Amino acid sequence: MIIGTIEPLNRIAIELGPISVYWYGVLIGLGAFLGYLLANREMKKRGLPDDMLADLLMFALPAAIIGARIYYVIFRWEHYADNPLSAFAIWEGGLAIHGGLIGAIITGAIFAKYKGISLWKLLDITAPSILLGQAIGRWGNFMNQEVYGGEVSRNFLENMMLPNFIIDQMFINGTYYEPTFLYESIWNLIGVILLLSLRRVNLRRGELFIMYAIWYSVGRFFIEGIRTDYLLIFGFKTAQVISIVSIIGGTFLIIYRRKKRMANKRYLDEETKMKTVNKKSAKKKKK
């Protein structure tokens, strides 16, 4: 193979006349949809209305995208200062996960207060879905040839047993790069399995989401260490700083809430109550 002839995958998924639909948006949308299906099923188990998650997403998803973009633009303002309008071109990439989480959580807090339900309960239910969305969304970065590590050889990538389409897409501006997008995607998928398993452990309310924050932050800290495209704050990699704060803060929060008896309700409390009620109803019908 002649290296100079390697062409990147087409970033455009569909072209409808003057309208172009990019894979970046398609994959983010796919992650949101699959996350919705996963969380909606759990919502019903927790005794919440069928349409509650759809109502929440109607506000939280746009808020997450806006928050993710604002966060990214703030830390990369030097790229947009000469042409501020380019800050709106989200199809070119540039959505920061931490900014998206901030936007979604703020919206969720307002929504939970308006509906009169626990924010922690909502966060616990949606935590695996958020991580699933992040895992799939990283493939949007892959299509845009972003979120990669340092320079490597083609032989290095082949020794990882990667398919050619990934290896070729990691050839950027004449150089092969380490696929850190893939590392994070795999880490997140493992996290989804872990969080789904922890549901059966019946943790205290809020701890499932906190475990999500800790798990994601551990992986992000190390993966960010080998990324070459990153955001900086006071000379440090922003994502690593936030990861350390999340790990320490999350661990402290679990201990503090338990010690102060602020988390006595359990994740499966509603399901247990519903099963008890159903059993009693079934016995009455038999009589």
Protein backbone atom coordinates (compact mmCIF):
# COMPACT_ATOMS: atom_id res chain seq x y z
CA MET A 1 0.00 0.00 0.00
CA ILE A 2 1.26 3.47 -0.88
CA ILE A 3 0.75 5.61 2.20
CA GLY A 4 0.09 8.76 0.23
CA THR A 5 -3.02 7.24 -1.40
CA ILE A 6 -4.93 6.55 1.84
CA GLU A 7 -8.16 8.50 1.81
CA PRO A 8 -10.18 9.19 5.01
CA LEU A 9 -13.75 7.95 5.31
CA ASN A 10 -16.40 10.34 4.07
CA ARG A 11 -17.65 12.45 6.98
CA ILE A 12 -20.98 12.94 5.22
CA ALA A 13 -23.52 10.17 5.76
CA ILE A 14 -26.35 11.51 3.58
CA GLU A 15 -26.67 14.36 1.12
CA LEU A 16 -30.16 15.69 0.43
CA GLY A 17 -29.66 18.43 -2.12
CA PRO A 18 -27.96 21.33 -0.33
CA ILE A 19 -28.33 19.59 3.04
CA SER A 20 -25.52 17.37 4.29
CA VAL A 21 -25.99 15.01 7.23
CA TYR A 22 -22.67 14.22 8.90
CA TRP A 23 -21.75 10.94 10.55
CA TYR A 24 -20.76 12.93 13.64
CA GLY A 25 -24.37 13.97 14.19
CA VAL A 26 -25.78 10.59 13.14
CA LEU A 27 -23.67 8.72 15.68
CA ILE A 28 -24.43 11.17 18.48
CA GLY A 29 -28.11 10.78 17.62
CA LEU A 30 -27.80 6.98 17.59
CA GLY A 31 -26.15 7.05 21.02
CA ALA A 32 -28.94 9.25 22.38
CA PHE A 33 -31.62 6.97 20.89
CA LEU A 34 -30.16 3.73 22.27
CA GLY A 35 -29.60 5.43 25.61
CA TYR A 36 -33.24 6.50 25.59
CA LEU A 37 -34.45 2.94 24.98
CA LEU A 38 -32.29 1.63 27.81
CA ALA A 39 -33.36 4.31 30.30
CA ASN A 40 -37.03 4.28 29.34
CA ARG A 41 -37.27 0.57 30.11
CA GLU A 42 -35.79 1.25 33.53
CA MET A 43 -38.09 4.23 34.10
CA LYS A 44 -41.11 1.94 33.85
CA LYS A 45 -39.58 -0.47 36.37
CA ARG A 46 -39.12 2.41 38.79
CA GLY A 47 -42.81 3.28 38.50
CA LEU A 48 -42.36 6.56 36.60
CA PRO A 49 -44.74 7.74 33.81
CA ASP A 50 -44.02 6.40 30.31
CA ASP A 51 -43.62 9.84 28.78
CA MET A 52 -41.42 11.35 31.50
CA LEU A 53 -38.09 10.46 29.88
CA ALA A 54 -39.23 11.80 26.49
CA ASP A 55 -40.24 15.06 28.18
CA LEU A 56 -36.87 15.25 29.94
CA LEU A 57 -34.88 14.56 26.75
CA MET A 58 -36.77 17.25 24.88
CA PHE A 59 -35.04 19.80 27.11
CA ALA A 60 -31.91 17.97 28.32
CA LEU A 61 -30.54 16.89 24.93
CA PRO A 62 -30.45 20.39 23.38
CA ALA A 63 -29.06 21.74 26.66
CA ALA A 64 -26.32 19.09 26.61
CA ILE A 65 -25.32 19.93 23.03
CA ILE A 66 -25.31 23.67 23.74
CA GLY A 67 -23.36 23.17 26.97
CA ALA A 68 -20.86 20.87 25.23
CA ARG A 69 -20.26 23.42 22.49
CA ILE A 70 -20.00 26.45 24.77
CA TYR A 71 -17.53 24.60 26.99
CA TYR A 72 -15.37 23.62 24.01
CA VAL A 73 -15.44 27.07 22.42
CA ILE A 74 -14.49 28.76 25.71
CA PHE A 75 -11.36 26.64 26.05
CA ARG A 76 -10.51 26.88 22.34
CA TRP A 77 -11.50 30.49 21.77
CA GLU A 78 -8.27 31.23 19.90
CA HIS A 79 -9.63 29.04 17.07
CA TYR A 80 -12.86 31.03 16.83
CA ALA A 81 -11.84 34.60 17.69
CA ASP A 82 -11.24 35.60 14.06
CA ASN A 83 -14.48 34.00 12.87
CA PRO A 84 -16.99 33.76 15.76
CA LEU A 85 -19.71 32.37 13.47
CA SER A 86 -17.65 29.18 13.04
CA ALA A 87 -18.45 28.41 16.68
CA PHE A 88 -21.88 27.29 15.48
CA ALA A 89 -20.47 24.68 13.07
CA ILE A 90 -20.88 21.74 15.44
CA TRP A 91 -20.89 19.24 12.54
CA GLU A 92 -17.16 19.85 12.28
CA GLY A 93 -16.72 18.41 15.78
CA GLY A 94 -15.86 20.12 19.02
CA LEU A 95 -18.35 18.99 21.66
CA ALA A 96 -16.87 18.61 25.14
CA ILE A 97 -18.46 15.83 27.19
CA HIS A 98 -18.00 17.65 30.49
CA GLY A 99 -19.81 20.70 29.14
CA GLY A 100 -22.62 18.47 27.91
CA LEU A 101 -22.97 16.89 31.34
CA ILE A 102 -23.15 20.29 33.01
CA GLY A 103 -25.92 21.40 30.65
CA ALA A 104 -27.87 18.15 31.04
CA ILE A 105 -27.59 18.02 34.84
CA ILE A 106 -28.71 21.63 35.28
CA THR A 107 -31.70 20.94 33.02
CA GLY A 108 -32.41 17.69 34.88
CA ALA A 109 -32.37 19.51 38.22
CA ILE A 110 -34.92 22.05 37.01
CA PHE A 111 -37.04 19.28 35.48
CA ALA A 112 -36.94 17.15 38.65
CA LYS A 113 -37.96 20.09 40.82
CA TYR A 114 -40.83 20.95 38.47
CA LYS A 115 -42.04 17.32 38.42
CA GLY A 116 -41.54 16.85 42.16
CA ILE A 117 -39.22 13.85 41.89
CA SER A 118 -35.71 13.11 43.12
CA LEU A 119 -32.87 14.33 40.88
CA TRP A 120 -30.68 11.55 42.24
CA LYS A 121 -33.30 9.03 41.14
CA LEU A 122 -33.28 10.42 37.60
CA LEU A 123 -29.49 10.47 37.48
CA ASP A 124 -29.26 6.86 38.68
CA ILE A 125 -31.70 5.67 36.04
CA THR A 126 -29.97 7.49 33.20
CA ALA A 127 -26.32 6.90 34.20
CA PRO A 128 -25.77 3.74 32.09
CA SER A 129 -27.51 5.43 29.16
CA ILE A 130 -25.24 8.47 29.38
CA LEU A 131 -22.18 6.23 29.29
CA LEU A 132 -23.60 4.23 26.37
CA GLY A 133 -24.19 7.47 24.46
CA GLN A 134 -20.60 8.54 25.14
CA ALA A 135 -19.26 5.18 23.91
CA ILE A 136 -21.13 5.46 20.61
CA GLY A 137 -20.50 9.18 20.26
CA ARG A 138 -16.74 8.62 20.26
CA TRP A 139 -17.14 6.97 16.86
CA GLY A 140 -18.32 10.34 15.61
CA ASN A 141 -14.90 11.64 16.63
CA PHE A 142 -13.41 8.73 14.69
CA MET A 143 -15.24 9.80 11.53
CA ASN A 144 -13.99 13.37 12.02
CA GLN A 145 -10.43 12.13 12.63
CA GLU A 146 -10.19 13.70 16.08
CA VAL A 147 -9.58 12.49 19.66
CA TYR A 148 -6.33 10.65 18.92
CA GLY A 149 -3.01 10.04 20.65
CA GLY A 150 0.60 10.43 19.64
CA GLU A 151 2.34 9.36 16.46
CA VAL A 152 2.70 5.61 15.91
CA SER A 153 3.64 3.32 13.05
CA ARG A 154 1.21 1.33 10.94
CA ASN A 155 2.84 -1.80 12.32
CA PHE A 156 1.90 -0.65 15.85
CA LEU A 157 -1.77 -0.42 14.84
CA GLU A 158 -1.69 -3.73 12.97
CA ASN A 159 -0.26 -5.45 16.05
CA MET A 160 -3.36 -4.28 17.93
CA MET A 161 -5.37 -6.49 15.55
CA LEU A 162 -7.41 -3.51 14.37
CA PRO A 163 -9.41 -3.72 11.13
CA ASN A 164 -8.01 -1.78 8.19
CA PHE A 165 -10.77 0.82 8.16
CA ILE A 166 -9.70 1.97 11.64
CA ILE A 167 -6.00 1.85 10.81
CA ASP A 168 -6.51 3.84 7.62
CA GLN A 169 -8.68 6.43 9.38
CA MET A 170 -5.89 6.95 11.91
CA PHE A 171 -3.66 8.14 9.05
CA ILE A 172 -3.95 11.92 9.45
CA ASN A 173 -1.91 14.49 7.53
CA GLY A 174 0.69 11.92 6.53
CA THR A 175 1.09 10.29 9.96
CA TYR A 176 -0.52 7.40 11.88
CA TYR A 177 -1.89 8.20 15.34
CA GLU A 178 -2.94 6.16 18.35
CA PRO A 179 -6.74 5.55 18.43
CA THR A 180 -7.57 6.97 21.86
CA PHE A 181 -11.19 7.39 20.74
CA LEU A 182 -11.35 3.58 20.64
CA TYR A 183 -9.82 3.18 24.10
CA GLU A 184 -12.43 5.47 25.58
CA SER A 185 -15.28 3.84 23.69
CA ILE A 186 -14.30 0.39 25.01
CA TRP A 187 -13.79 1.72 28.54
CA ASN A 188 -17.26 3.26 28.45
CA LEU A 189 -18.90 0.06 27.18
CA ILE A 190 -17.29 -1.89 30.03
CA GLY A 191 -18.64 0.80 32.35
CA VAL A 192 -22.17 0.31 31.00
CA ILE A 193 -21.99 -3.39 31.89
CA LEU A 194 -20.63 -2.52 35.34
CA LEU A 195 -23.39 0.00 36.07
CA LEU A 196 -26.11 -2.39 34.91
CA SER A 197 -24.66 -4.99 37.27
CA LEU A 198 -24.51 -2.52 40.16
CA ARG A 199 -28.25 -1.92 39.82
CA ARG A 200 -28.81 -5.37 41.32
CA VAL A 201 -26.48 -4.55 44.24
CA ASN A 202 -29.16 -2.06 45.33
CA LEU A 203 -26.87 0.85 46.11
CA ARG A 204 -28.15 3.89 47.93
CA ARG A 205 -29.92 6.46 45.81
CA GLY A 206 -27.46 8.64 43.93
CA GLU A 207 -24.53 6.25 44.21
CA LEU A 208 -25.05 4.68 40.80
CA PHE A 209 -24.57 8.06 39.12
CA ILE A 210 -21.60 8.85 41.36
CA MET A 211 -20.06 5.49 40.38
CA TYR A 212 -20.57 6.48 36.74
CA ALA A 213 -18.70 9.74 37.35
CA ILE A 214 -15.84 7.93 39.09
CA TRP A 215 -15.56 5.15 36.49
CA TYR A 216 -15.60 7.53 33.54
CA SER A 217 -13.13 9.89 35.21
CA VAL A 218 -10.60 7.14 35.95
CA GLY A 219 -10.53 6.09 32.30
CA ARG A 220 -10.61 9.64 30.97
CA PHE A 221 -7.69 10.69 33.19
CA PHE A 222 -5.32 8.08 31.75
CA ILE A 223 -6.60 8.29 28.17
CA GLU A 224 -6.35 12.08 28.23
CA GLY A 225 -2.72 11.66 29.21
CA ILE A 226 -1.86 10.24 25.77
CA ARG A 227 -4.17 12.44 23.69
CA THR A 228 -2.60 15.14 21.56
CA ASP A 229 -5.79 17.17 21.01
CA TYR A 230 -7.00 18.51 24.33
CA LEU A 231 -8.24 21.56 26.20
CA LEU A 232 -6.07 23.38 28.73
CA ILE A 233 -6.75 25.29 31.93
CA PHE A 234 -3.83 27.08 33.63
CA GLY A 235 -1.42 24.87 31.70
CA PHE A 236 -3.03 21.59 32.76
CA LYS A 237 -5.24 19.32 30.67
CA THR A 238 -8.78 20.36 31.57
CA ALA A 239 -10.25 16.86 31.38
CA GLN A 240 -7.58 15.49 33.74
CA VAL A 241 -8.23 18.23 36.28
CA ILE A 242 -11.98 17.56 36.18
CA SER A 243 -11.36 13.81 36.37
CA ILE A 244 -9.29 14.15 39.56
CA VAL A 245 -11.93 16.41 41.11
CA SER A 246 -14.69 13.95 40.13
CA ILE A 247 -12.88 10.92 41.54
CA ILE A 248 -12.02 12.57 44.86
CA GLY A 249 -15.32 14.44 45.08
CA GLY A 250 -17.39 11.39 44.18
CA THR A 251 -15.65 9.17 46.73
CA PHE A 252 -16.04 11.83 49.43
CA LEU A 253 -19.71 12.32 48.55
CA ILE A 254 -20.51 8.62 48.92
CA ILE A 255 -18.83 8.46 52.33
CA TYR A 256 -20.30 11.76 53.53
CA ARG A 257 -23.88 10.94 52.47
CA ARG A 258 -23.72 7.55 54.16
CA LYS A 259 -22.19 8.93 57.34
CA LYS A 260 -24.81 11.71 57.57
CA ARG A 261 -27.59 9.26 56.67
CA MET A 262 -28.51 11.39 53.66
CA ALA A 263 -28.82 8.34 51.39
CA ASN A 264 -31.01 5.80 53.15
CA LYS A 265 -33.28 5.17 50.18
CA ARG A 266 -32.16 2.40 47.88
CA TYR A 267 -32.17 2.16 44.10
CA LEU A 268 -34.52 -0.83 44.00
CA ASP A 269 -36.94 0.39 46.68
CA GLU A 270 -39.74 1.21 44.23
CA GLU A 271 -39.35 -2.08 42.35
CA THR A 272 -39.53 -4.03 45.61
CA LYS A 273 -42.69 -2.16 46.63
CA MET A 274 -44.28 -2.75 43.24
CA LYS A 275 -43.54 -6.48 43.42
CA THR A 276 -45.06 -6.65 46.91
CA VAL A 277 -48.19 -4.83 45.76
CA ASN A 278 -48.51 -7.09 42.71
CA LYS A 279 -48.17 -10.21 44.86
CA LYS A 280 -50.88 -8.99 47.24
CA SER A 281 -53.15 -8.17 44.31
CA ALA A 282 -52.59 -11.61 42.80
CA LYS A 283 -53.46 -13.30 46.12
CA LYS A 284 -56.67 -11.28 46.41
CA LYS A 285 -57.72 -12.28 42.91
CA LYS A 286 -57.15 -15.96 43.71
CA LYS A 287 -59.37 -15.66 46.77
